[in-house]
Amino acid sequence: MRTVRNYVLLILVGLFWCAGSLRAQDPGTYTFFGGALLGSPSGFAVGAGLGFDLTHNVTFEPTVALGRTGNDNMFSLDGSFLYNFHLSDTGIVPYVLGGVGLAQFGNETHGSPILGFGARFPLHNGWQLRPEVRFADHGLARFTFGLSHSF
């Protein structure tokens, strides 16, 4: 239980730090995603996130997801920092991410560091297709496809 409390405190400190760093003119994105939970047991998840651009390359993104693993419901909440690689020749933006999160499935809550990667592919009028993979040490990895839109 103490480990979970430490992860929650780390997430809250990160959120407050980011909120203090944001300026009203900074752009951001909202994302809706769905996909597979890979682990033991496997399942599916759907969720949403808000991305806040802190610099040209760094985005802070809290996400929430609901899903099912085996016979259990799953809930996750995390905060990640994305480092965006803006390629000059194309509109595709690959990124790597790192953060911390909480996942509740079965009768337990698990805190975990998160690592991952993905890319944003431009579609039309600010919309982007976004495949992503996130790994966590609580036993579940998340492979999702999302739709993002800039605001």
C-alpha atoms as a PDB file:
ATOM      1  CA  MET A   1       0.000   0.000   0.000  1.00  0.00           C
ATOM      2  CA  ARG A   2       2.896   2.353   0.731  1.00  0.00           C
ATOM      3  CA  THR A   3       4.253   1.896  -2.818  1.00  0.00           C
ATOM      4  CA  VAL A   4       0.885   2.873  -4.316  1.00  0.00           C
ATOM      5  CA  ARG A   5       0.799   5.990  -2.139  1.00  0.00           C
ATOM      6  CA  ASN A   6       4.302   6.929  -3.383  1.00  0.00           C
ATOM      7  CA  TYR A   7       3.187   6.610  -7.025  1.00  0.00           C
ATOM      8  CA  VAL A   8       0.087   8.711  -6.353  1.00  0.00           C
ATOM      9  CA  LEU A   9       2.234  11.425  -4.764  1.00  0.00           C
ATOM     10  CA  LEU A  10       4.639  11.326  -7.707  1.00  0.00           C
ATOM     11  CA  ILE A  11       1.745  11.706 -10.180  1.00  0.00           C
ATOM     12  CA  LEU A  12       0.276  14.621  -8.190  1.00  0.00           C
ATOM     13  CA  VAL A  13       3.634  16.419  -7.995  1.00  0.00           C
ATOM     14  CA  GLY A  14       4.046  15.996 -11.754  1.00  0.00           C
ATOM     15  CA  LEU A  15       0.534  17.302 -12.432  1.00  0.00           C
ATOM     16  CA  PHE A  16       1.040  20.391 -10.245  1.00  0.00           C
ATOM     17  CA  TRP A  17       4.444  21.077 -11.798  1.00  0.00           C
ATOM     18  CA  CYS A  18       2.978  20.833 -15.301  1.00  0.00           C
ATOM     19  CA  ALA A  19      -0.064  22.923 -14.444  1.00  0.00           C
ATOM     20  CA  GLY A  20       2.249  25.659 -13.191  1.00  0.00           C
ATOM     21  CA  SER A  21       4.336  25.449 -16.366  1.00  0.00           C
ATOM     22  CA  LEU A  22       1.426  25.772 -18.794  1.00  0.00           C
ATOM     23  CA  ARG A  23       0.524  29.046 -20.464  1.00  0.00           C
ATOM     24  CA  ALA A  24      -2.921  29.780 -21.893  1.00  0.00           C
ATOM     25  CA  GLN A  25      -1.608  30.111 -25.461  1.00  0.00           C
ATOM     26  CA  ASP A  26       0.085  26.680 -25.459  1.00  0.00           C
ATOM     27  CA  PRO A  27      -1.616  24.241 -27.834  1.00  0.00           C
ATOM     28  CA  GLY A  28      -2.588  20.740 -26.883  1.00  0.00           C
ATOM     29  CA  THR A  29      -4.448  17.666 -28.052  1.00  0.00           C
ATOM     30  CA  TYR A  30      -7.230  15.426 -26.914  1.00  0.00           C
ATOM     31  CA  THR A  31      -7.090  11.735 -27.740  1.00  0.00           C
ATOM     32  CA  PHE A  32      -9.596   8.882 -27.692  1.00  0.00           C
ATOM     33  CA  PHE A  33      -8.098   5.381 -27.883  1.00  0.00           C
ATOM     34  CA  GLY A  34      -8.937   1.720 -27.703  1.00  0.00           C
ATOM     35  CA  GLY A  35      -7.005  -1.493 -27.987  1.00  0.00           C
ATOM     36  CA  ALA A  36      -5.541  -4.597 -26.442  1.00  0.00           C
ATOM     37  CA  LEU A  37      -4.172  -5.204 -22.961  1.00  0.00           C
ATOM     38  CA  LEU A  38      -1.390  -7.753 -23.205  1.00  0.00           C
ATOM     39  CA  GLY A  39      -0.433  -9.691 -20.096  1.00  0.00           C
ATOM     40  CA  SER A  40      -1.762 -12.361 -17.837  1.00  0.00           C
ATOM     41  CA  PRO A  41      -4.706 -12.294 -18.379  1.00  0.00           C
ATOM     42  CA  SER A  42      -5.058 -10.294 -21.603  1.00  0.00           C
ATOM     43  CA  GLY A  43      -8.011  -8.024 -22.314  1.00  0.00           C
ATOM     44  CA  PHE A  44      -9.076  -4.735 -23.874  1.00  0.00           C
ATOM     45  CA  ALA A  45      -9.259  -1.080 -22.868  1.00  0.00           C
ATOM     46  CA  VAL A  46     -10.749   2.204 -24.063  1.00  0.00           C
ATOM     47  CA  GLY A  47      -9.848   5.626 -22.773  1.00  0.00           C
ATOM     48  CA  ALA A  48      -9.025   9.270 -23.291  1.00  0.00           C
ATOM     49  CA  GLY A  49      -6.181  11.656 -22.643  1.00  0.00           C
ATOM     50  CA  LEU A  50      -5.317  15.349 -22.780  1.00  0.00           C
ATOM     51  CA  GLY A  51      -1.933  16.426 -24.086  1.00  0.00           C
ATOM     52  CA  PHE A  52      -0.373  19.741 -23.042  1.00  0.00           C
ATOM     53  CA  ASP A  53       2.613  20.953 -25.072  1.00  0.00           C
ATOM     54  CA  LEU A  54       5.246  22.163 -22.608  1.00  0.00           C
ATOM     55  CA  THR A  55       7.860  22.843 -25.308  1.00  0.00           C
ATOM     56  CA  HIS A  56       8.074  22.200 -29.050  1.00  0.00           C
ATOM     57  CA  ASN A  57       9.209  18.618 -28.353  1.00  0.00           C
ATOM     58  CA  VAL A  58       7.824  17.795 -24.872  1.00  0.00           C
ATOM     59  CA  THR A  59       4.170  17.053 -24.115  1.00  0.00           C
ATOM     60  CA  PHE A  60       2.607  16.123 -20.776  1.00  0.00           C
ATOM     61  CA  GLU A  61      -0.347  13.756 -21.150  1.00  0.00           C
ATOM     62  CA  PRO A  62      -2.569  12.378 -18.384  1.00  0.00           C
ATOM     63  CA  THR A  63      -4.803   9.489 -19.528  1.00  0.00           C
ATOM     64  CA  VAL A  64      -7.596   7.404 -18.064  1.00  0.00           C
ATOM     65  CA  ALA A  65      -8.650   3.982 -19.361  1.00  0.00           C
ATOM     66  CA  LEU A  66     -11.357   1.435 -18.571  1.00  0.00           C
ATOM     67  CA  GLY A  67     -11.290  -2.155 -19.698  1.00  0.00           C
ATOM     68  CA  ARG A  68     -11.462  -5.825 -18.926  1.00  0.00           C
ATOM     69  CA  THR A  69      -8.700  -8.372 -18.180  1.00  0.00           C
ATOM     70  CA  GLY A  70      -9.898 -11.958 -18.019  1.00  0.00           C
ATOM     71  CA  ASN A  71     -12.930 -11.864 -15.713  1.00  0.00           C
ATOM     72  CA  ASP A  72     -11.919  -8.626 -13.983  1.00  0.00           C
ATOM     73  CA  ASN A  73     -12.667  -4.990 -14.726  1.00  0.00           C
ATOM     74  CA  MET A  74      -9.641  -2.737 -15.138  1.00  0.00           C
ATOM     75  CA  PHE A  75      -9.158   0.982 -14.457  1.00  0.00           C
ATOM     76  CA  SER A  76      -5.955   2.925 -15.051  1.00  0.00           C
ATOM     77  CA  LEU A  77      -4.834   6.492 -14.512  1.00  0.00           C
ATOM     78  CA  ASP A  78      -1.412   7.720 -15.565  1.00  0.00           C
ATOM     79  CA  GLY A  79       0.658  10.739 -16.428  1.00  0.00           C
ATOM     80  CA  SER A  80       3.360  10.561 -19.084  1.00  0.00           C
ATOM     81  CA  PHE A  81       5.839  12.884 -20.712  1.00  0.00           C
ATOM     82  CA  LEU A  82       6.167  12.427 -24.485  1.00  0.00           C
ATOM     83  CA  TYR A  83       9.253  13.443 -26.416  1.00  0.00           C
ATOM     84  CA  ASN A  84       8.170  14.212 -29.996  1.00  0.00           C
ATOM     85  CA  PHE A  85      10.574  13.790 -32.920  1.00  0.00           C
ATOM     86  CA  HIS A  86       9.430  16.378 -35.485  1.00  0.00           C
ATOM     87  CA  LEU A  87      10.687  15.128 -38.841  1.00  0.00           C
ATOM     88  CA  SER A  88      11.184  17.921 -41.364  1.00  0.00           C
ATOM     89  CA  ASP A  89      10.196  15.924 -44.468  1.00  0.00           C
ATOM     90  CA  THR A  90       6.861  14.545 -43.298  1.00  0.00           C
ATOM     91  CA  GLY A  91       3.883  15.246 -41.056  1.00  0.00           C
ATOM     92  CA  ILE A  92       4.463  11.965 -39.148  1.00  0.00           C
ATOM     93  CA  VAL A  93       5.579  12.588 -35.545  1.00  0.00           C
ATOM     94  CA  PRO A  94       7.152   9.568 -33.799  1.00  0.00           C
ATOM     95  CA  TYR A  95       7.566   9.824 -30.018  1.00  0.00           C
ATOM     96  CA  VAL A  96       8.825   8.033 -26.930  1.00  0.00           C
ATOM     97  CA  LEU A  97       7.166   8.359 -23.548  1.00  0.00           C
ATOM     98  CA  GLY A  98       7.826   7.801 -19.868  1.00  0.00           C
ATOM     99  CA  GLY A  99       5.719   8.325 -16.780  1.00  0.00           C
ATOM    100  CA  VAL A 100       3.969   6.720 -13.840  1.00  0.00           C
ATOM    101  CA  GLY A 101       0.533   5.264 -13.424  1.00  0.00           C
ATOM    102  CA  LEU A 102      -1.938   3.319 -11.361  1.00  0.00           C
ATOM    103  CA  ALA A 103      -3.911   0.315 -12.579  1.00  0.00           C
ATOM    104  CA  GLN A 104      -6.631  -1.490 -10.665  1.00  0.00           C
ATOM    105  CA  PHE A 105      -7.643  -4.978 -11.767  1.00  0.00           C
ATOM    106  CA  GLY A 106      -8.629  -8.016  -9.780  1.00  0.00           C
ATOM    107  CA  ASN A 107      -8.683  -7.018  -6.123  1.00  0.00           C
ATOM    108  CA  GLU A 108      -5.456  -5.027  -6.221  1.00  0.00           C
ATOM    109  CA  THR A 109      -4.173  -1.595  -7.185  1.00  0.00           C
ATOM    110  CA  HIS A 110      -0.763  -1.526  -8.847  1.00  0.00           C
ATOM    111  CA  GLY A 111       1.538   1.480  -9.189  1.00  0.00           C
ATOM    112  CA  SER A 112       4.042   1.315 -11.993  1.00  0.00           C
ATOM    113  CA  PRO A 113       6.542   3.251 -14.075  1.00  0.00           C
ATOM    114  CA  ILE A 114       5.525   3.419 -17.745  1.00  0.00           C
ATOM    115  CA  LEU A 115       7.655   3.399 -20.900  1.00  0.00           C
ATOM    116  CA  GLY A 116       6.421   3.392 -24.472  1.00  0.00           C
ATOM    117  CA  PHE A 117       6.515   4.651 -28.006  1.00  0.00           C
ATOM    118  CA  GLY A 118       4.135   5.635 -30.768  1.00  0.00           C
ATOM    119  CA  ALA A 119       3.579   7.944 -33.710  1.00  0.00           C
ATOM    120  CA  ARG A 120       1.019  10.471 -34.891  1.00  0.00           C
ATOM    121  CA  PHE A 121      -0.031  10.267 -38.552  1.00  0.00           C
ATOM    122  CA  PRO A 122      -1.836  13.335 -39.954  1.00  0.00           C
ATOM    123  CA  LEU A 123      -5.319  12.749 -41.373  1.00  0.00           C
ATOM    124  CA  HIS A 124      -7.362  15.915 -42.064  1.00  0.00           C
ATOM    125  CA  ASN A 125      -8.194  19.241 -40.328  1.00  0.00           C
ATOM    126  CA  GLY A 126      -5.957  18.650 -37.300  1.00  0.00           C
ATOM    127  CA  TRP A 127      -6.973  15.001 -36.781  1.00  0.00           C
ATOM    128  CA  GLN A 128      -4.267  12.366 -36.354  1.00  0.00           C
ATOM    129  CA  LEU A 129      -4.173   8.559 -36.234  1.00  0.00           C
ATOM    130  CA  ARG A 130      -2.095   7.419 -33.278  1.00  0.00           C
ATOM    131  CA  PRO A 131      -0.861   3.826 -32.745  1.00  0.00           C
ATOM    132  CA  GLU A 132       0.936   3.399 -29.415  1.00  0.00           C
ATOM    133  CA  VAL A 133       2.503   0.778 -27.148  1.00  0.00           C
ATOM    134  CA  ARG A 134       2.933   1.289 -23.377  1.00  0.00           C
ATOM    135  CA  PHE A 135       4.813  -1.090 -21.069  1.00  0.00           C
ATOM    136  CA  ALA A 136       4.412  -1.208 -17.287  1.00  0.00           C
ATOM    137  CA  ASP A 137       5.864  -3.503 -14.625  1.00  0.00           C
ATOM    138  CA  HIS A 138       2.439  -4.355 -13.101  1.00  0.00           C
ATOM    139  CA  GLY A 139       1.967  -7.125 -15.671  1.00  0.00           C
ATOM    140  CA  LEU A 140      -0.033  -5.363 -18.394  1.00  0.00           C
ATOM    141  CA  ALA A 141       1.162  -3.754 -21.622  1.00  0.00           C
ATOM    142  CA  ARG A 142      -1.221  -1.634 -23.690  1.00  0.00           C
ATOM    143  CA  PHE A 143      -1.340  -1.587 -27.503  1.00  0.00           C
ATOM    144  CA  THR A 144      -3.846   0.973 -28.724  1.00  0.00           C
ATOM    145  CA  PHE A 145      -5.017   2.897 -31.757  1.00  0.00           C
ATOM    146  CA  GLY A 146      -6.243   6.395 -31.099  1.00  0.00           C
ATOM    147  CA  LEU A 147      -7.638   9.462 -32.787  1.00  0.00           C
ATOM    148  CA  SER A 148      -6.190  12.806 -31.692  1.00  0.00           C
ATOM    149  CA  HIS A 149      -7.246  16.343 -32.446  1.00  0.00           C
ATOM    150  CA  SER A 150      -5.409  19.579 -31.705  1.00  0.00           C
ATOM    151  CA  PHE A 151      -7.062  22.383 -29.782  1.00  0.00           C
END
